[in-house]
Structures are given as structure tokens and as C-alpha cells.
Amino acid sequence: MLTELLNKTLFILFFLSCLTTIRHGYYFIQAFILSTQEEPKKYIVSKTALILLGVCISYILTVIFTGIKL
């Protein structure tokens, strides 16, 4: 019972991590496309967002290599 609940929670965290990573990827590509030679546009990320993105990417890689089940 408790392991099933924990597995579902871990799956939800994996889903949210994927959404966060896709969101940052979208904003990065958008800044890259809108940037021109005359007016370069940088993709600026705050420190906390960068730390959260790093945690999300590391969690996704961990799930890929080890799996989600306990």
C-alpha cells in the first residue's frame, strides 16, 4: 500500500520534471529563433530556476537509468 503510493508520487514527480524541462527547452528555442545579428536576445534564467532545472534533469536521467519502481 505505502510502496504503491510512493511509486505514484515518484511518477508524478517524473511527469512534472519532464514538463519543467520541456518548458525551459521551449523558452530557450524561442529566444534562439527570435535572436538576430543586430539584436541578440539572451535566455536569462534565475539562480533558483537553474537549480530546479538541474534537479529535474538529474531526476529524469536517474529514472532513465534505474527506473521508477521501488
PDB file of N, CA and C in Angstrom:
ATOM      1  N   MET A   1       0.815  -1.187   0.000  1.00  0.00           N
ATOM      2  CA  MET A   1       0.000   0.000   0.000  1.00  0.00           C
ATOM      3  C   MET A   1       0.867   1.262   0.000  1.00  0.00           C
ATOM      4  N   LEU A   2       1.812   1.326   0.927  1.00  0.00           N
ATOM      5  CA  LEU A   2       2.668   2.509   1.020  1.00  0.00           C
ATOM      6  C   LEU A   2       3.607   2.602  -0.177  1.00  0.00           C
ATOM      7  N   THR A   3       4.106   1.451  -0.652  1.00  0.00           N
ATOM      8  CA  THR A   3       5.001   1.489  -1.815  1.00  0.00           C
ATOM      9  C   THR A   3       4.246   1.893  -3.079  1.00  0.00           C
ATOM     10  N   GLU A   4       2.986   1.490  -3.198  1.00  0.00           N
ATOM     11  CA  GLU A   4       2.186   1.908  -4.361  1.00  0.00           C
ATOM     12  C   GLU A   4       1.982   3.415  -4.351  1.00  0.00           C
ATOM     13  N   LEU A   5       1.699   3.961  -3.190  1.00  0.00           N
ATOM     14  CA  LEU A   5       1.516   5.407  -3.067  1.00  0.00           C
ATOM     15  C   LEU A   5       2.816   6.144  -3.380  1.00  0.00           C
ATOM     16  N   LEU A   6       3.921   5.611  -2.902  1.00  0.00           N
ATOM     17  CA  LEU A   6       5.218   6.226  -3.166  1.00  0.00           C
ATOM     18  C   LEU A   6       5.585   6.131  -4.645  1.00  0.00           C
ATOM     19  N   ASN A   7       5.278   5.008  -5.285  1.00  0.00           N
ATOM     20  CA  ASN A   7       5.546   4.861  -6.714  1.00  0.00           C
ATOM     21  C   ASN A   7       4.724   5.846  -7.535  1.00  0.00           C
ATOM     22  N   LYS A   8       3.470   6.054  -7.152  1.00  0.00           N
ATOM     23  CA  LYS A   8       2.632   7.026  -7.859  1.00  0.00           C
ATOM     24  C   LYS A   8       3.150   8.449  -7.663  1.00  0.00           C
ATOM     25  N   THR A   9       3.613   8.738  -6.473  1.00  0.00           N
ATOM     26  CA  THR A   9       4.192  10.058  -6.202  1.00  0.00           C
ATOM     27  C   THR A   9       5.454  10.282  -7.021  1.00  0.00           C
ATOM     28  N   LEU A  10       6.290   9.253  -7.107  1.00  0.00           N
ATOM     29  CA  LEU A  10       7.511   9.364  -7.908  1.00  0.00           C
ATOM     30  C   LEU A  10       7.192   9.522  -9.387  1.00  0.00           C
ATOM     31  N   PHE A  11       6.141   8.860  -9.850  1.00  0.00           N
ATOM     32  CA  PHE A  11       5.740   9.016 -11.246  1.00  0.00           C
ATOM     33  C   PHE A  11       5.239  10.438 -11.513  1.00  0.00           C
ATOM     34  N   ILE A  12       4.487  11.006 -10.585  1.00  0.00           N
ATOM     35  CA  ILE A  12       4.020  12.387 -10.737  1.00  0.00           C
ATOM     36  C   ILE A  12       5.211  13.347 -10.741  1.00  0.00           C
ATOM     37  N   LEU A  13       6.189  13.112  -9.875  1.00  0.00           N
ATOM     38  CA  LEU A  13       7.398  13.948  -9.874  1.00  0.00           C
ATOM     39  C   LEU A  13       8.151  13.836 -11.194  1.00  0.00           C
ATOM     40  N   PHE A  14       8.192  12.627 -11.760  1.00  0.00           N
ATOM     41  CA  PHE A  14       8.841  12.439 -13.057  1.00  0.00           C
ATOM     42  C   PHE A  14       8.108  13.227 -14.139  1.00  0.00           C
ATOM     43  N   PHE A  15       6.785  13.164 -14.130  1.00  0.00           N
ATOM     44  CA  PHE A  15       5.987  13.900 -15.102  1.00  0.00           C
ATOM     45  C   PHE A  15       6.213  15.402 -14.972  1.00  0.00           C
ATOM     46  N   LEU A  16       6.211  15.921 -13.751  1.00  0.00           N
ATOM     47  CA  LEU A  16       6.444  17.351 -13.535  1.00  0.00           C
ATOM     48  C   LEU A  16       7.861  17.754 -13.929  1.00  0.00           C
ATOM     49  N   SER A  17       8.827  16.878 -13.711  1.00  0.00           N
ATOM     50  CA  SER A  17      10.200  17.160 -14.131  1.00  0.00           C
ATOM     51  C   SER A  17      10.297  17.248 -15.646  1.00  0.00           C
ATOM     52  N   CYS A  18       9.586  16.361 -16.335  1.00  0.00           N
ATOM     53  CA  CYS A  18       9.564  16.416 -17.798  1.00  0.00           C
ATOM     54  C   CYS A  18       8.928  17.714 -18.281  1.00  0.00           C
ATOM     55  N   LEU A  19       7.839  18.125 -17.652  1.00  0.00           N
ATOM     56  CA  LEU A  19       7.184  19.373 -18.044  1.00  0.00           C
ATOM     57  C   LEU A  19       8.089  20.587 -17.821  1.00  0.00           C
ATOM     58  N   THR A  20       8.796  20.609 -16.714  1.00  0.00           N
ATOM     59  CA  THR A  20       9.708  21.721 -16.429  1.00  0.00           C
ATOM     60  C   THR A  20      10.840  21.772 -17.446  1.00  0.00           C
ATOM     61  N   THR A  21      11.386  20.618 -17.786  1.00  0.00           N
ATOM     62  CA  THR A  21      12.474  20.569 -18.757  1.00  0.00           C
ATOM     63  C   THR A  21      11.990  20.987 -20.140  1.00  0.00           C
ATOM     64  N   ILE A  22      10.809  20.533 -20.532  1.00  0.00           N
ATOM     65  CA  ILE A  22      10.246  20.920 -21.828  1.00  0.00           C
ATOM     66  C   ILE A  22       9.977  22.419 -21.863  1.00  0.00           C
ATOM     67  N   ARG A  23       9.502  22.968 -20.757  1.00  0.00           N
ATOM     68  CA  ARG A  23       9.225  24.410 -20.686  1.00  0.00           C
ATOM     69  C   ARG A  23      10.493  25.232 -20.904  1.00  0.00           C
ATOM     70  N   HIS A  24      11.570  24.851 -20.214  1.00  0.00           N
ATOM     71  CA  HIS A  24      12.826  25.588 -20.378  1.00  0.00           C
ATOM     72  C   HIS A  24      13.402  25.386 -21.776  1.00  0.00           C
ATOM     73  N   GLY A  25      13.242  24.202 -22.329  1.00  0.00           N
ATOM     74  CA  GLY A  25      13.687  23.962 -23.702  1.00  0.00           C
ATOM     75  C   GLY A  25      12.932  24.826 -24.696  1.00  0.00           C
ATOM     76  N   TYR A  26      11.626  24.957 -24.481  1.00  0.00           N
ATOM     77  CA  TYR A  26      10.807  25.799 -25.360  1.00  0.00           C
ATOM     78  C   TYR A  26      11.254  27.259 -25.291  1.00  0.00           C
ATOM     79  N   TYR A  27      11.451  27.769 -24.084  1.00  0.00           N
ATOM     80  CA  TYR A  27      11.880  29.162 -23.947  1.00  0.00           C
ATOM     81  C   TYR A  27      13.278  29.381 -24.522  1.00  0.00           C
ATOM     82  N   PHE A  28      14.161  28.391 -24.407  1.00  0.00           N
ATOM     83  CA  PHE A  28      15.493  28.514 -24.981  1.00  0.00           C
ATOM     84  C   PHE A  28      15.425  28.561 -26.505  1.00  0.00           C
ATOM     85  N   ILE A  29      14.634  27.690 -27.100  1.00  0.00           N
ATOM     86  CA  ILE A  29      14.495  27.679 -28.558  1.00  0.00           C
ATOM     87  C   ILE A  29      13.821  28.956 -29.040  1.00  0.00           C
ATOM     88  N   GLN A  30      12.836  29.439 -28.294  1.00  0.00           N
ATOM     89  CA  GLN A  30      12.166  30.684 -28.660  1.00  0.00           C
ATOM     90  C   GLN A  30      13.147  31.857 -28.644  1.00  0.00           C
ATOM     91  N   ALA A  31      13.996  31.940 -27.639  1.00  0.00           N
ATOM     92  CA  ALA A  31      14.985  33.018 -27.577  1.00  0.00           C
ATOM     93  C   ALA A  31      16.007  32.868 -28.694  1.00  0.00           C
ATOM     94  N   PHE A  32      16.350  31.631 -29.049  1.00  0.00           N
ATOM     95  CA  PHE A  32      17.324  31.398 -30.111  1.00  0.00           C
ATOM     96  C   PHE A  32      16.763  31.799 -31.470  1.00  0.00           C
ATOM     97  N   ILE A  33      15.499  31.507 -31.716  1.00  0.00           N
ATOM     98  CA  ILE A  33      14.880  31.828 -33.006  1.00  0.00           C
ATOM     99  C   ILE A  33      14.648  33.330 -33.144  1.00  0.00           C
ATOM    100  N   LEU A  34      14.220  33.981 -32.067  1.00  0.00           N
ATOM    101  CA  LEU A  34      13.931  35.416 -32.137  1.00  0.00           C
ATOM    102  C   LEU A  34      15.190  36.277 -32.146  1.00  0.00           C
ATOM    103  N   SER A  35      16.320  35.695 -31.824  1.00  0.00           N
ATOM    104  CA  SER A  35      17.566  36.443 -31.789  1.00  0.00           C
ATOM    105  C   SER A  35      18.052  36.719 -33.212  1.00  0.00           C
ATOM    106  N   THR A  36      18.547  37.938 -33.432  1.00  0.00           N
ATOM    107  CA  THR A  36      19.114  38.306 -34.730  1.00  0.00           C
ATOM    108  C   THR A  36      20.526  38.832 -34.523  1.00  0.00           C
ATOM    109  N   GLN A  37      21.217  39.069 -35.623  1.00  0.00           N
ATOM    110  CA  GLN A  37      22.580  39.609 -35.546  1.00  0.00           C
ATOM    111  C   GLN A  37      22.580  41.004 -34.929  1.00  0.00           C
ATOM    112  N   GLU A  38      21.602  41.826 -35.314  1.00  0.00           N
ATOM    113  CA  GLU A  38      21.561  43.202 -34.832  1.00  0.00           C
ATOM    114  C   GLU A  38      21.064  43.283 -33.392  1.00  0.00           C
ATOM    115  N   GLU A  39      20.133  42.423 -33.034  1.00  0.00           N
ATOM    116  CA  GLU A  39      19.536  42.477 -31.705  1.00  0.00           C
ATOM    117  C   GLU A  39      19.533  41.076 -31.079  1.00  0.00           C
ATOM    118  N   PRO A  40      20.648  40.696 -30.473  1.00  0.00           N
ATOM    119  CA  PRO A  40      20.683  39.365 -29.854  1.00  0.00           C
ATOM    120  C   PRO A  40      19.801  39.313 -28.606  1.00  0.00           C
ATOM    121  N   LYS A  41      19.082  38.215 -28.457  1.00  0.00           N
ATOM    122  CA  LYS A  41      18.187  38.040 -27.311  1.00  0.00           C
ATOM    123  C   LYS A  41      18.717  36.878 -26.482  1.00  0.00           C
ATOM    124  N   LYS A  42      18.997  37.147 -25.224  1.00  0.00           N
ATOM    125  CA  LYS A  42      19.528  36.116 -24.343  1.00  0.00           C
ATOM    126  C   LYS A  42      18.407  35.438 -23.586  1.00  0.00           C
ATOM    127  N   TYR A  43      18.624  34.168 -23.302  1.00  0.00           N
ATOM    128  CA  TYR A  43      17.700  33.418 -22.452  1.00  0.00           C
ATOM    129  C   TYR A  43      18.236  33.515 -21.032  1.00  0.00           C
ATOM    130  N   ILE A  44      17.578  34.304 -20.204  1.00  0.00           N
ATOM    131  CA  ILE A  44      18.047  34.566 -18.845  1.00  0.00           C
ATOM    132  C   ILE A  44      17.269  33.688 -17.870  1.00  0.00           C
ATOM    133  N   VAL A  45      18.011  32.980 -17.032  1.00  0.00           N
ATOM    134  CA  VAL A  45      17.411  32.083 -16.047  1.00  0.00           C
ATOM    135  C   VAL A  45      17.905  32.506 -14.672  1.00  0.00           C
ATOM    136  N   SER A  46      16.995  32.581 -13.720  1.00  0.00           N
ATOM    137  CA  SER A  46      17.396  32.937 -12.354  1.00  0.00           C
ATOM    138  C   SER A  46      18.135  31.765 -11.709  1.00  0.00           C
ATOM    139  N   LYS A  47      18.794  32.051 -10.603  1.00  0.00           N
ATOM    140  CA  LYS A  47      19.563  31.014  -9.913  1.00  0.00           C
ATOM    141  C   LYS A  47      18.681  29.874  -9.424  1.00  0.00           C
ATOM    142  N   THR A  48      17.543  30.211  -8.845  1.00  0.00           N
ATOM    143  CA  THR A  48      16.668  29.159  -8.319  1.00  0.00           C
ATOM    144  C   THR A  48      16.069  28.324  -9.444  1.00  0.00           C
ATOM    145  N   ALA A  49      15.718  28.974 -10.575  1.00  0.00           N
ATOM    146  CA  ALA A  49      15.188  28.219 -11.710  1.00  0.00           C
ATOM    147  C   ALA A  49      16.254  27.315 -12.308  1.00  0.00           C
ATOM    148  N   LEU A  50      17.491  27.778 -12.314  1.00  0.00           N
ATOM    149  CA  LEU A  50      18.581  26.961 -12.840  1.00  0.00           C
ATOM    150  C   LEU A  50      18.846  25.751 -11.945  1.00  0.00           C
ATOM    151  N   ILE A  51      18.777  25.947 -10.639  1.00  0.00           N
ATOM    152  CA  ILE A  51      18.949  24.825  -9.706  1.00  0.00           C
ATOM    153  C   ILE A  51      17.809  23.826  -9.870  1.00  0.00           C
ATOM    154  N   LEU A  52      16.583  24.324  -9.991  1.00  0.00           N
ATOM    155  CA  LEU A  52      15.428  23.443 -10.187  1.00  0.00           C
ATOM    156  C   LEU A  52      15.540  22.679 -11.508  1.00  0.00           C
ATOM    157  N   LEU A  53      15.997  23.340 -12.558  1.00  0.00           N
ATOM    158  CA  LEU A  53      16.192  22.673 -13.841  1.00  0.00           C
ATOM    159  C   LEU A  53      17.248  21.585 -13.742  1.00  0.00           C
ATOM    160  N   GLY A  54      18.317  21.849 -13.019  1.00  0.00           N
ATOM    161  CA  GLY A  54      19.356  20.833 -12.821  1.00  0.00           C
ATOM    162  C   GLY A  54      18.843  19.624 -12.065  1.00  0.00           C
ATOM    163  N   VAL A  55      18.035  19.871 -11.043  1.00  0.00           N
ATOM    164  CA  VAL A  55      17.455  18.759 -10.272  1.00  0.00           C
ATOM    165  C   VAL A  55      16.492  17.957 -11.144  1.00  0.00           C
ATOM    166  N   CYS A  56      15.702  18.653 -11.954  1.00  0.00           N
ATOM    167  CA  CYS A  56      14.755  17.958 -12.834  1.00  0.00           C
ATOM    168  C   CYS A  56      15.480  17.097 -13.868  1.00  0.00           C
ATOM    169  N   ILE A  57      16.524  17.630 -14.470  1.00  0.00           N
ATOM    170  CA  ILE A  57      17.275  16.859 -15.466  1.00  0.00           C
ATOM    171  C   ILE A  57      17.969  15.673 -14.811  1.00  0.00           C
ATOM    172  N   SER A  58      18.519  15.866 -13.623  1.00  0.00           N
ATOM    173  CA  SER A  58      19.178  14.742 -12.954  1.00  0.00           C
ATOM    174  C   SER A  58      18.168  13.670 -12.555  1.00  0.00           C
ATOM    175  N   TYR A  59      16.963  14.066 -12.160  1.00  0.00           N
ATOM    176  CA  TYR A  59      15.929  13.087 -11.814  1.00  0.00           C
ATOM    177  C   TYR A  59      15.482  12.311 -13.054  1.00  0.00           C
ATOM    178  N   ILE A  60      15.347  13.004 -14.179  1.00  0.00           N
ATOM    179  CA  ILE A  60      14.973  12.325 -15.425  1.00  0.00           C
ATOM    180  C   ILE A  60      16.042  11.317 -15.815  1.00  0.00           C
ATOM    181  N   LEU A  61      17.303  11.700 -15.721  1.00  0.00           N
ATOM    182  CA  LEU A  61      18.388  10.767 -16.053  1.00  0.00           C
ATOM    183  C   LEU A  61      18.423   9.587 -15.090  1.00  0.00           C
ATOM    184  N   THR A  62      18.160   9.835 -13.824  1.00  0.00           N
ATOM    185  CA  THR A  62      18.124   8.744 -12.844  1.00  0.00           C
ATOM    186  C   THR A  62      17.002   7.765 -13.157  1.00  0.00           C
ATOM    187  N   VAL A  63      15.838   8.291 -13.533  1.00  0.00           N
ATOM    188  CA  VAL A  63      14.715   7.412 -13.878  1.00  0.00           C
ATOM    189  C   VAL A  63      15.032   6.613 -15.134  1.00  0.00           C
ATOM    190  N   ILE A  64      15.701   7.222 -16.099  1.00  0.00           N
ATOM    191  CA  ILE A  64      16.047   6.512 -17.323  1.00  0.00           C
ATOM    192  C   ILE A  64      16.976   5.346 -17.014  1.00  0.00           C
ATOM    193  N   PHE A  65      17.967   5.552 -16.154  1.00  0.00           N
ATOM    194  CA  PHE A  65      18.961   4.510 -15.903  1.00  0.00           C
ATOM    195  C   PHE A  65      18.529   3.487 -14.853  1.00  0.00           C
ATOM    196  N   THR A  66      17.743   3.893 -13.861  1.00  0.00           N
ATOM    197  CA  THR A  66      17.398   2.954 -12.795  1.00  0.00           C
ATOM    198  C   THR A  66      15.941   2.548 -12.775  1.00  0.00           C
ATOM    199  N   GLY A  67      15.056   3.352 -13.329  1.00  0.00           N
ATOM    200  CA  GLY A  67      13.636   3.036 -13.320  1.00  0.00           C
ATOM    201  C   GLY A  67      12.931   3.772 -12.196  1.00  0.00           C
ATOM    202  N   ILE A  68      11.620   3.622 -12.168  1.00  0.00           N
ATOM    203  CA  ILE A  68      10.809   4.371 -11.218  1.00  0.00           C
ATOM    204  C   ILE A  68      10.345   3.498 -10.062  1.00  0.00           C
ATOM    205  N   LYS A  69      10.303   2.210 -10.230  1.00  0.00           N
ATOM    206  CA  LYS A  69       9.769   1.299  -9.203  1.00  0.00           C
ATOM    207  C   LYS A  69      10.734   1.163  -8.034  1.00  0.00           C
ATOM    208  N   LEU A  70      10.177   1.000  -6.860  1.00  0.00           N
ATOM    209  CA  LEU A  70      10.981   0.752  -5.661  1.00  0.00           C
ATOM    210  C   LEU A  70      11.154  -0.728  -5.443  1.00  0.00           C
TER     211      LEU A  70
END
